[in-house]
């Protein structure tokens, strides 16, 4: 049976480069999971808000994988303004679906969940939702979101036929913080492209990106308070070897992004680290494998992560990760085996774990080898196969949740 899925991704395009603005791991997720779905026999239309006047109305990424650009609101709207155009976006998608029907809707992020919620009943379609981040989880870490987002997430949780959690921790959060029905939650982890992200020569990688020899820490991601770049910088300052450097690959993100970059730059100067911290602009996704291989340790001090694709990609390249014990990172990083997890947001604790790796090459090699082996459990094809089964079960049941 050929399945047709409407993938709602209002603010996240699989065509944009991750690492700056509002583009990040979710962009990679959408591109890779939809590509894998099409290879599993699911035809996908991905509905994305038009974010540039230069975009074609429909872009065929590969056979069975189309990106449909929805004209809703001015092209230059910020992420924070997008709730105002949800109804306009929904109406346009509904008109499209009446001409190009699908069997199931799959919403990604809370804004897309609202769209899916509004389309589900009038079109008699089952709704699958992946939130990626949750407002109440962010609030627990001190990053408060508008109440309208919390209310919307509660409604979408109650109305979705299936909720896809990236890890066991997200499943727990959905149940405890949102009252989700455990029977409607599927834990389906994202994947990693092992043809691209795999162990390789550190020396060759450093030559490719023109970086000198010496201990190298790596941070990959958007620069915003949530990601904890300041913890990585302060940890660097506490490491005993003055040759150690930190490379930050990414750009400012969100309303606080520019201020956070200036704050980080001031922190670097105050700590006397200006010659030891390297800023690299966002890179194409395929190029990140070289940066991972060039590093000795990848640092992820995030306040929250629903999954943490950077940790998985780094592990696949055979690099240990020192990360915050939050969200999916609890699953991806096996403390003391593939890297280290820290409950506390203490730069001294991060410096201690990083030093254990840098000062013991045998231990570092053991962690890296175990990380690469563990990453093999996460193929994108596995996610696609599970999702196809979820879609098929919903279509065959023909009994969407009423709300």
Protein backbone atom coordinates (compact mmCIF):
# COMPACT_ATOMS: atom_id res chain seq x y z
CA UNK A 1 0.00 0.00 0.00
CA UNK A 2 1.35 3.42 -0.99
CA UNK A 3 0.91 5.86 1.85
CA UNK A 4 0.74 9.63 1.44
CA UNK A 5 1.74 11.83 4.36
CA UNK A 6 1.26 15.54 4.88
CA UNK A 7 4.27 16.67 6.94
CA UNK A 8 3.50 19.98 8.62
CA UNK A 9 6.64 21.96 9.42
CA UNK A 10 5.46 25.54 9.53
CA UNK A 11 8.66 27.25 10.66
CA UNK A 12 11.36 24.69 9.78
CA UNK A 13 12.43 24.07 6.21
CA UNK A 14 14.44 21.01 5.20
CA UNK A 15 16.02 23.25 2.53
CA UNK A 16 17.80 25.66 4.92
CA UNK A 17 21.22 25.30 6.51
CA UNK A 18 21.25 24.47 10.21
CA UNK A 19 23.26 26.46 12.73
CA UNK A 20 22.02 30.04 12.50
CA UNK A 21 18.83 32.01 12.87
CA UNK A 22 16.05 29.61 13.79
CA UNK A 23 17.62 26.73 11.86
CA UNK A 24 19.06 23.86 13.83
CA UNK A 25 18.82 20.16 14.43
CA UNK A 26 15.14 20.14 13.56
CA UNK A 27 15.93 21.18 9.99
CA UNK A 28 18.26 18.19 9.69
CA UNK A 29 15.63 15.95 11.29
CA UNK A 30 12.90 16.99 8.84
CA UNK A 31 15.13 16.53 5.80
CA UNK A 32 16.52 13.17 6.86
CA UNK A 33 13.36 11.59 8.21
CA UNK A 34 11.28 12.59 5.19
CA UNK A 35 13.96 11.35 2.81
CA UNK A 36 14.03 8.04 4.66
CA UNK A 37 10.23 7.84 4.62
CA UNK A 38 10.14 8.24 0.85
CA UNK A 39 12.69 5.44 0.52
CA UNK A 40 10.36 3.34 2.70
CA UNK A 41 7.51 3.94 0.25
CA UNK A 42 5.73 6.89 1.86
CA UNK A 43 5.06 9.85 -0.44
CA UNK A 44 5.51 13.09 1.49
CA UNK A 45 4.44 16.68 0.97
CA UNK A 46 6.20 18.94 3.49
CA UNK A 47 4.31 22.17 4.20
CA UNK A 48 6.63 25.05 5.13
CA UNK A 49 5.80 28.74 5.41
CA UNK A 50 7.28 30.69 2.51
CA UNK A 51 10.28 32.51 4.00
CA UNK A 52 11.69 34.13 0.84
CA UNK A 53 10.26 35.68 -2.31
CA UNK A 54 12.83 33.71 -4.30
CA UNK A 55 11.37 30.31 -3.42
CA UNK A 56 9.58 28.16 -5.98
CA UNK A 57 6.02 27.30 -4.87
CA UNK A 58 6.86 23.59 -4.91
CA UNK A 59 10.33 22.05 -4.74
CA UNK A 60 10.82 18.37 -5.51
CA UNK A 61 13.73 17.30 -3.33
CA UNK A 62 13.64 13.74 -4.60
CA UNK A 63 10.95 11.45 -6.02
CA UNK A 64 8.11 11.33 -3.52
CA UNK A 65 9.52 14.19 -1.39
CA UNK A 66 8.10 17.65 -2.14
CA UNK A 67 8.43 20.87 -0.16
CA UNK A 68 5.33 23.03 -0.56
CA UNK A 69 5.89 26.70 0.30
CA UNK A 70 2.77 28.14 1.90
CA UNK A 71 2.19 31.88 1.35
CA UNK A 72 1.22 32.96 4.87
CA UNK A 73 2.28 36.35 6.18
CA UNK A 74 5.26 38.49 5.17
CA UNK A 75 8.37 36.49 4.29
CA UNK A 76 10.52 38.22 6.93
CA UNK A 77 8.45 37.37 10.02
CA UNK A 78 10.32 36.30 13.15
CA UNK A 79 9.59 32.98 14.81
CA UNK A 80 7.93 34.84 17.68
CA UNK A 81 5.41 36.43 15.28
CA UNK A 82 4.32 33.19 13.62
CA UNK A 83 1.34 32.37 15.87
CA UNK A 84 -0.51 35.22 14.15
CA UNK A 85 -0.50 33.45 10.77
CA UNK A 86 -1.39 29.93 11.90
CA UNK A 87 -5.01 30.23 10.71
CA UNK A 88 -3.94 31.61 7.32
CA UNK A 89 -1.41 28.80 6.95
CA UNK A 90 -4.04 26.23 7.93
CA UNK A 91 -6.61 27.47 5.42
CA UNK A 92 -4.09 27.35 2.58
CA UNK A 93 -2.95 23.83 3.45
CA UNK A 94 -6.56 22.65 3.70
CA UNK A 95 -7.26 23.93 0.18
CA UNK A 96 -4.14 22.15 -1.07
CA UNK A 97 -5.10 18.88 0.60
CA UNK A 98 -8.56 18.98 -0.96
CA UNK A 99 -6.83 18.83 -4.33
CA UNK A 100 -3.90 16.62 -3.26
CA UNK A 101 -5.23 14.30 -0.54
CA UNK A 102 -3.06 12.49 1.98
CA UNK A 103 -3.68 9.57 4.35
CA UNK A 104 -2.13 10.98 7.52
CA UNK A 105 -0.87 14.27 8.98
CA UNK A 106 2.42 14.51 10.86
CA UNK A 107 3.02 17.80 12.68
CA UNK A 108 6.45 18.92 13.88
CA UNK A 109 6.72 21.53 16.67
CA UNK A 110 3.84 23.12 18.55
CA UNK A 111 2.87 25.63 15.83
CA UNK A 112 2.54 22.82 13.32
CA UNK A 113 0.62 20.87 15.93
CA UNK A 114 -1.97 23.64 16.08
CA UNK A 115 -2.29 23.47 12.29
CA UNK A 116 -2.68 19.70 12.43
CA UNK A 117 -5.25 19.99 15.20
CA UNK A 118 -7.32 22.37 13.08
CA UNK A 119 -7.09 20.15 9.99
CA UNK A 120 -7.64 16.78 11.61
CA UNK A 121 -11.38 16.74 12.22
CA UNK A 122 -12.78 18.57 9.17
CA UNK A 123 -10.60 16.39 6.93
CA UNK A 124 -11.08 13.16 8.95
CA UNK A 125 -7.33 12.50 9.07
CA UNK A 126 -5.26 10.88 11.82
CA UNK A 127 -2.71 13.18 13.41
CA UNK A 128 0.82 12.26 14.49
CA UNK A 129 2.77 14.92 16.42
CA UNK A 130 6.45 15.31 17.24
CA UNK A 131 7.03 18.35 19.48
CA UNK A 132 10.86 18.45 19.44
CA UNK A 133 10.76 20.88 22.39
CA UNK A 134 8.14 21.39 25.09
CA UNK A 135 7.30 24.67 26.81
CA UNK A 136 6.88 23.18 30.28
CA UNK A 137 10.24 21.42 30.03
CA UNK A 138 11.94 24.66 29.01
CA UNK A 139 10.23 26.45 31.90
CA UNK A 140 11.74 23.95 34.35
CA UNK A 141 15.16 25.04 33.08
CA UNK A 142 14.34 28.74 33.44
CA UNK A 143 13.38 29.41 29.80
CA UNK A 144 9.75 30.47 30.03
CA UNK A 145 7.51 30.37 26.96
CA UNK A 146 4.21 32.25 26.38
CA UNK A 147 1.14 30.72 28.04
CA UNK A 148 -0.51 30.43 24.62
CA UNK A 149 2.15 27.90 23.67
CA UNK A 150 1.55 25.86 26.83
CA UNK A 151 -2.21 25.87 26.23
CA UNK A 152 -1.75 24.89 22.58
CA UNK A 153 0.55 22.00 23.49
CA UNK A 154 -1.98 20.70 25.99
CA UNK A 155 -4.72 20.68 23.33
CA UNK A 156 -2.48 19.06 20.70
CA UNK A 157 -1.33 16.37 23.15
CA UNK A 158 -4.95 15.52 23.88
CA UNK A 159 -5.98 15.42 20.23
CA UNK A 160 -3.05 13.61 18.60
CA UNK A 161 -3.58 9.98 17.65
CA UNK A 162 0.11 9.28 18.19
CA UNK A 163 2.80 11.35 19.92
CA UNK A 164 6.34 10.60 18.78
CA UNK A 165 8.90 10.99 21.57
CA UNK A 166 12.56 11.08 20.61
CA UNK A 167 13.65 9.36 23.82
CA UNK A 168 12.33 7.80 27.03
CA UNK A 169 12.85 11.08 28.89
CA UNK A 170 10.54 12.92 26.50
CA UNK A 171 7.90 10.22 26.97
CA UNK A 172 8.08 10.77 30.73
CA UNK A 173 7.76 14.52 30.26
CA UNK A 174 4.70 14.17 28.03
CA UNK A 175 2.99 11.96 30.62
CA UNK A 176 3.96 13.85 33.77
CA UNK A 177 3.78 17.43 32.50
CA UNK A 178 0.95 17.13 29.95
CA UNK A 179 -1.11 14.14 31.06
CA UNK A 180 -0.51 12.32 27.78
CA UNK A 181 -2.00 8.86 27.33
CA UNK A 182 0.98 6.46 27.55
CA UNK A 183 -0.68 4.14 25.03
CA UNK A 184 -0.53 6.86 22.39
CA UNK A 185 3.19 7.59 22.74
CA UNK A 186 5.76 5.94 20.47
CA UNK A 187 9.46 6.32 21.26
CA UNK A 188 11.14 6.61 17.87
CA UNK A 189 14.66 8.00 17.97
CA UNK A 190 16.16 10.05 15.12
CA UNK A 191 19.07 8.62 13.19
CA UNK A 192 22.49 9.41 11.80
CA UNK A 193 23.87 8.95 8.30
CA UNK A 194 26.75 6.53 8.87
CA UNK A 195 27.98 6.96 5.31
CA UNK A 196 28.74 10.59 6.19
CA UNK A 197 29.35 10.55 9.94
CA UNK A 198 31.93 7.89 10.70
CA UNK A 199 35.37 7.72 12.36
CA UNK A 200 38.27 9.13 10.38
CA UNK A 201 41.69 10.72 10.59
CA UNK A 202 41.99 13.54 13.13
CA UNK A 203 45.14 14.82 11.40
CA UNK A 204 43.44 14.80 8.01
CA UNK A 205 40.40 16.60 9.38
CA UNK A 206 42.53 19.29 10.99
CA UNK A 207 44.43 19.81 7.79
CA UNK A 208 41.14 20.14 5.91
CA UNK A 209 39.86 22.92 8.20
CA UNK A 210 43.31 24.46 8.68
CA UNK A 211 43.54 24.06 12.45
CA UNK A 212 46.83 23.65 14.30
CA UNK A 213 47.68 20.68 16.48
CA UNK A 214 46.83 20.71 20.18
CA UNK A 215 43.84 19.80 22.38
CA UNK A 216 40.59 20.93 20.73
CA UNK A 217 37.10 21.21 22.20
CA UNK A 218 34.14 21.60 19.87
CA UNK A 219 30.71 23.18 20.30
CA UNK A 220 28.26 22.85 17.40
CA UNK A 221 24.92 24.62 17.41
CA UNK A 222 23.04 27.86 17.54
CA UNK A 223 24.35 30.52 19.89
CA UNK A 224 21.52 31.23 22.33
CA UNK A 225 21.25 31.09 26.14
CA UNK A 226 19.56 27.67 26.03
CA UNK A 227 22.67 26.04 24.52
CA UNK A 228 25.05 26.99 27.34
CA UNK A 229 28.04 28.19 25.34
CA UNK A 230 29.16 30.16 28.40
CA UNK A 231 29.65 26.90 30.32
CA UNK A 232 31.97 25.62 27.59
CA UNK A 233 33.99 28.86 27.63
CA UNK A 234 34.33 28.86 31.43
CA UNK A 235 35.32 25.18 31.40
CA UNK A 236 38.07 26.00 28.90
CA UNK A 237 39.43 28.63 31.29
CA UNK A 238 39.82 25.98 34.02
CA UNK A 239 41.73 23.44 31.96
CA UNK A 240 45.41 23.19 32.90
CA UNK A 241 46.89 22.94 29.40
CA UNK A 242 47.12 26.48 27.92
CA UNK A 243 47.29 25.02 24.41
CA UNK A 244 43.67 23.82 24.62
CA UNK A 245 41.26 25.67 22.35
CA UNK A 246 37.51 25.79 21.89
CA UNK A 247 35.93 25.96 18.45
CA UNK A 248 32.34 27.24 18.26
CA UNK A 249 30.59 26.31 15.01
CA UNK A 250 27.27 28.15 14.64
CA UNK A 251 25.62 31.54 14.64
CA UNK A 252 23.26 33.72 16.64
CA UNK A 253 19.71 32.43 16.99
CA UNK A 254 16.42 33.95 18.09
CA UNK A 255 15.66 37.32 19.67
CA UNK A 256 18.40 36.83 22.26
CA UNK A 257 20.99 35.49 19.84
CA UNK A 258 22.88 38.69 19.07
CA UNK A 259 22.97 39.68 22.74
CA UNK A 260 24.22 36.20 23.63
CA UNK A 261 27.04 36.44 21.09
CA UNK A 262 28.13 39.77 22.59
CA UNK A 263 27.90 38.31 26.11
CA UNK A 264 30.02 35.32 25.11
CA UNK A 265 32.59 37.55 23.40
CA UNK A 266 32.82 39.72 26.53
CA UNK A 267 33.22 36.61 28.70
CA UNK A 268 36.02 35.33 26.46
CA UNK A 269 37.85 38.65 26.69
CA UNK A 270 37.42 38.90 30.46
CA UNK A 271 38.84 35.40 30.90
CA UNK A 272 41.79 36.17 28.65
CA UNK A 273 40.81 33.51 26.11
CA UNK A 274 40.61 35.59 22.95
CA UNK A 275 43.42 33.65 21.28
CA UNK A 276 41.99 30.26 22.34
CA UNK A 277 38.36 30.49 21.20
CA UNK A 278 37.63 30.21 17.49
CA UNK A 279 34.28 31.20 15.99
CA UNK A 280 33.30 29.41 12.79
CA UNK A 281 30.14 30.37 10.88
CA UNK A 282 27.40 27.77 10.34
CA UNK A 283 28.56 24.99 8.04
CA UNK A 284 26.69 22.76 5.58
CA UNK A 285 25.53 19.65 7.38
CA UNK A 286 27.83 17.34 5.41
CA UNK A 287 30.86 19.44 6.41
CA UNK A 288 30.28 18.96 10.13
CA UNK A 289 31.75 15.47 10.02
CA UNK A 290 35.17 17.01 9.39
CA UNK A 291 34.84 19.27 12.43
CA UNK A 292 33.80 16.36 14.65
CA UNK A 293 36.81 14.31 13.53
CA UNK A 294 39.12 17.25 14.14
CA UNK A 295 38.02 17.57 17.77
CA UNK A 296 39.16 15.71 20.86
CA UNK A 297 35.94 16.33 22.82
CA UNK A 298 32.50 17.65 21.83
CA UNK A 299 30.82 19.73 24.53
CA UNK A 300 27.01 20.07 24.90
CA UNK A 301 26.08 22.06 28.04
CA UNK A 302 22.47 22.66 26.93
CA UNK A 303 19.77 23.48 29.47
CA UNK A 304 17.39 21.22 27.53
CA UNK A 305 17.57 18.93 24.49
CA UNK A 306 14.70 16.75 23.33
CA UNK A 307 17.24 14.51 21.60
CA UNK A 308 20.60 16.02 20.66
CA UNK A 309 21.59 15.17 17.08
CA UNK A 310 25.00 16.79 17.56
CA UNK A 311 25.84 14.24 20.25
CA UNK A 312 24.80 11.37 17.98
CA UNK A 313 26.76 12.71 15.00
CA UNK A 314 29.86 13.28 17.13
CA UNK A 315 29.58 9.75 18.54
CA UNK A 316 29.25 8.30 15.04
CA UNK A 317 32.54 10.04 14.20
CA UNK A 318 34.17 8.38 17.21
CA UNK A 319 34.36 11.42 19.44
CA UNK A 320 33.42 11.41 23.14
CA UNK A 321 30.78 13.92 24.25
CA UNK A 322 30.66 15.78 27.57
CA UNK A 323 27.05 16.86 27.94
CA UNK A 324 24.32 18.01 30.27
CA UNK A 325 22.17 15.20 31.66
CA UNK A 326 18.98 16.49 30.03
CA UNK A 327 16.41 15.09 27.61
CA UNK A 328 17.63 12.70 24.96
CA UNK A 329 21.28 13.25 25.95
CA UNK A 330 20.60 10.91 28.86
CA UNK A 331 20.00 8.18 26.29
CA UNK A 332 22.69 9.11 23.78
CA UNK A 333 25.62 9.50 26.19
CA UNK A 334 26.52 6.53 28.36
CA UNK A 335 28.28 8.16 31.31
CA UNK A 336 31.86 6.93 31.60
CA UNK A 337 31.46 4.63 28.59
CA UNK A 338 30.92 6.85 25.52
CA UNK A 339 31.43 10.22 27.21
CA UNK A 340 30.27 11.99 30.35
CA UNK A 341 26.95 13.36 31.60
CA UNK A 342 26.68 16.12 34.19
CA UNK A 343 23.66 16.93 36.32
CA UNK A 344 25.12 20.22 37.53
CA UNK A 345 25.72 23.33 35.42
CA UNK A 346 29.19 23.79 36.85
CA UNK A 347 32.09 24.73 34.57
CA UNK A 348 34.52 23.13 37.03
CA UNK A 349 32.73 19.79 36.70
CA UNK A 350 32.83 20.08 32.90
CA UNK A 351 36.53 20.92 33.02
CA UNK A 352 37.17 17.87 35.21
CA UNK A 353 35.48 15.46 32.76
CA UNK A 354 37.11 17.09 29.74
CA UNK A 355 40.53 16.86 31.40
CA UNK A 356 40.02 13.13 32.09
CA UNK A 357 39.68 12.64 28.34
CA UNK A 358 42.43 15.00 27.18
CA UNK A 359 45.01 13.71 29.66
CA UNK A 360 44.47 10.00 28.96
CA UNK A 361 44.72 9.08 25.25
CA UNK A 362 43.89 5.43 25.93
CA UNK A 363 40.72 6.38 27.80
CA UNK A 364 39.82 8.85 25.03
CA UNK A 365 40.23 6.14 22.39
CA UNK A 366 38.08 3.71 24.40
CA UNK A 367 35.31 6.29 24.79
CA UNK A 368 35.43 7.16 21.10
CA UNK A 369 35.30 3.53 19.96
CA UNK A 370 32.36 2.79 22.28
CA UNK A 371 30.58 5.94 21.05
CA UNK A 372 30.96 4.96 17.39
CA UNK A 373 29.64 1.48 18.11
CA UNK A 374 26.65 2.82 20.06
CA UNK A 375 25.78 5.24 17.24
CA UNK A 376 25.25 2.26 14.96
CA UNK A 377 21.95 1.64 16.77
CA UNK A 378 20.43 4.75 15.19
CA UNK A 379 19.88 4.39 11.42
CA UNK A 380 17.40 6.77 9.77
CA UNK A 381 15.90 3.72 8.07
CA UNK A 382 14.86 2.43 11.48
CA UNK A 383 12.91 5.61 12.20
CA UNK A 384 11.27 5.48 8.75
CA UNK A 385 10.23 1.86 9.16
CA UNK A 386 8.67 2.54 12.56
CA UNK A 387 6.83 5.62 11.34
CA UNK A 388 5.51 3.85 8.27
CA UNK A 389 4.07 1.18 10.55
CA UNK A 390 2.49 3.85 12.77
CA UNK A 391 0.93 5.59 9.76
CA UNK A 392 -0.37 2.32 8.33
CA UNK A 393 -1.92 1.26 11.63
CA UNK A 394 -3.71 4.60 11.95
CA UNK A 395 -5.00 4.52 8.39
CA UNK A 396 -6.26 0.96 8.73
CA UNK A 397 -7.91 1.64 12.11
CA UNK A 398 -9.89 4.59 10.71
CA UNK A 399 -10.77 5.74 14.21
CA UNK A 400 -9.01 9.06 14.95
CA UNK A 401 -8.99 10.30 18.52
CA UNK A 402 -11.92 12.63 19.16
CA UNK A 403 -11.26 15.86 21.03
